[in-house]
Amino acid sequence: MIKVGKKAPDFTAPAYHKGKFISVKLSEYLGKWVLLCFYPGDFTFV
């Protein structure tokens, strides 16, 4: 189970970087500071 203050599980997610779409894997940032944000309603007409 995912809990606050614990390590996040490794995952791959799509990202937009320097004008193109890429895949980003969390484990590529091991040892670096990472901020994870989740916006469930972004880009919707709710």
N, C-alpha and C. Protein backbone atom coordinates (compact mmCIF):
# COMPACT_ATOMS: atom_id res chain seq x y z
N MET A 1 0.83 -1.17 0.00
CA MET A 1 0.00 0.00 0.00
C MET A 1 0.88 1.25 0.00
N ILE A 2 0.48 2.26 -0.75
CA ILE A 2 1.21 3.52 -0.80
C ILE A 2 0.83 4.35 0.42
N LYS A 3 1.85 4.87 1.13
CA LYS A 3 1.61 5.67 2.32
C LYS A 3 2.47 6.93 2.30
N VAL A 4 1.98 7.98 2.93
CA VAL A 4 2.73 9.22 3.06
C VAL A 4 4.02 8.96 3.82
N GLY A 5 5.12 9.49 3.30
CA GLY A 5 6.41 9.34 3.96
C GLY A 5 7.17 8.09 3.57
N LYS A 6 6.57 7.22 2.78
CA LYS A 6 7.23 5.99 2.32
C LYS A 6 7.68 6.17 0.88
N LYS A 7 8.59 5.32 0.42
CA LYS A 7 9.07 5.38 -0.96
C LYS A 7 7.95 5.05 -1.94
N ALA A 8 7.91 5.77 -3.04
CA ALA A 8 6.92 5.51 -4.08
C ALA A 8 7.37 4.30 -4.90
N PRO A 9 6.43 3.48 -5.36
CA PRO A 9 6.80 2.35 -6.21
C PRO A 9 7.28 2.85 -7.58
N ASP A 10 8.15 2.11 -8.22
CA ASP A 10 8.64 2.50 -9.53
C ASP A 10 7.50 2.46 -10.55
N PHE A 11 7.47 3.44 -11.45
CA PHE A 11 6.45 3.49 -12.49
C PHE A 11 6.99 4.24 -13.69
N THR A 12 6.32 4.08 -14.82
CA THR A 12 6.62 4.81 -16.04
C THR A 12 5.41 5.64 -16.39
N ALA A 13 5.62 6.90 -16.80
CA ALA A 13 4.51 7.79 -17.12
C ALA A 13 4.87 8.64 -18.34
N PRO A 14 3.86 9.03 -19.12
CA PRO A 14 4.13 9.93 -20.25
C PRO A 14 4.41 11.34 -19.72
N ALA A 15 5.27 12.07 -20.43
CA ALA A 15 5.60 13.44 -20.05
C ALA A 15 5.82 14.28 -21.30
N TYR A 16 5.69 15.57 -21.16
CA TYR A 16 5.94 16.51 -22.26
C TYR A 16 7.17 17.32 -21.89
N HIS A 17 8.23 17.20 -22.70
CA HIS A 17 9.51 17.85 -22.38
C HIS A 17 10.14 18.39 -23.65
N LYS A 18 10.45 19.68 -23.63
CA LYS A 18 11.12 20.36 -24.76
C LYS A 18 10.41 20.12 -26.09
N GLY A 19 9.09 20.23 -26.08
CA GLY A 19 8.33 20.16 -27.32
C GLY A 19 7.95 18.80 -27.82
N LYS A 20 8.23 17.74 -27.06
CA LYS A 20 7.81 16.41 -27.50
C LYS A 20 7.42 15.53 -26.32
N PHE A 21 6.66 14.49 -26.62
CA PHE A 21 6.22 13.55 -25.59
C PHE A 21 7.28 12.48 -25.39
N ILE A 22 7.57 12.17 -24.13
CA ILE A 22 8.55 11.15 -23.77
C ILE A 22 7.98 10.28 -22.65
N SER A 23 8.65 9.17 -22.36
CA SER A 23 8.30 8.34 -21.21
C SER A 23 9.32 8.59 -20.12
N VAL A 24 8.83 8.75 -18.91
CA VAL A 24 9.69 9.01 -17.76
C VAL A 24 9.51 7.87 -16.76
N LYS A 25 10.63 7.34 -16.27
CA LYS A 25 10.58 6.26 -15.29
C LYS A 25 11.12 6.80 -13.96
N LEU A 26 10.38 6.59 -12.88
CA LEU A 26 10.76 7.12 -11.59
C LEU A 26 12.16 6.66 -11.17
N SER A 27 12.51 5.43 -11.45
CA SER A 27 13.82 4.91 -11.02
C SER A 27 14.99 5.63 -11.69
N GLU A 28 14.74 6.37 -12.77
CA GLU A 28 15.81 7.16 -13.42
C GLU A 28 16.26 8.32 -12.53
N TYR A 29 15.44 8.67 -11.54
CA TYR A 29 15.73 9.79 -10.67
C TYR A 29 16.16 9.35 -9.27
N LEU A 30 16.57 8.10 -9.14
CA LEU A 30 17.00 7.57 -7.84
C LEU A 30 18.16 8.40 -7.30
N GLY A 31 18.04 8.84 -6.06
CA GLY A 31 19.07 9.65 -5.42
C GLY A 31 18.90 11.14 -5.63
N LYS A 32 17.85 11.54 -6.38
CA LYS A 32 17.58 12.96 -6.62
C LYS A 32 16.26 13.33 -5.97
N TRP A 33 16.07 14.62 -5.72
CA TRP A 33 14.80 15.10 -5.20
C TRP A 33 13.77 15.07 -6.32
N VAL A 34 12.58 14.55 -6.03
CA VAL A 34 11.50 14.45 -7.01
C VAL A 34 10.20 14.91 -6.36
N LEU A 35 9.43 15.69 -7.08
CA LEU A 35 8.12 16.13 -6.60
C LEU A 35 7.07 15.49 -7.50
N LEU A 36 6.17 14.70 -6.91
CA LEU A 36 5.10 14.05 -7.66
C LEU A 36 3.81 14.80 -7.42
N CYS A 37 3.14 15.19 -8.50
CA CYS A 37 1.87 15.92 -8.42
C CYS A 37 0.81 15.14 -9.16
N PHE A 38 -0.40 15.16 -8.62
CA PHE A 38 -1.52 14.45 -9.23
C PHE A 38 -2.69 15.41 -9.34
N TYR A 39 -3.18 15.62 -10.54
CA TYR A 39 -4.31 16.50 -10.80
C TYR A 39 -5.40 15.70 -11.49
N PRO A 40 -6.33 15.11 -10.76
CA PRO A 40 -7.34 14.24 -11.38
C PRO A 40 -8.29 14.96 -12.32
N GLY A 41 -8.48 16.28 -12.18
CA GLY A 41 -9.44 16.98 -13.03
C GLY A 41 -8.80 17.90 -14.06
N ASP A 42 -7.49 17.85 -14.22
CA ASP A 42 -6.82 18.73 -15.18
C ASP A 42 -7.31 18.48 -16.59
N PHE A 43 -7.49 19.55 -17.31
CA PHE A 43 -7.89 19.53 -18.73
C PHE A 43 -9.24 18.86 -18.96
N THR A 44 -10.13 18.95 -18.00
CA THR A 44 -11.48 18.44 -18.17
C THR A 44 -12.45 19.61 -18.00
N PHE A 45 -13.66 19.44 -18.47
CA PHE A 45 -14.65 20.50 -18.40
C PHE A 45 -15.59 20.30 -17.22
N VAL A 46 -15.04 19.93 -16.07
CA VAL A 46 -15.84 19.70 -14.87
C VAL A 46 -16.07 21.01 -14.16
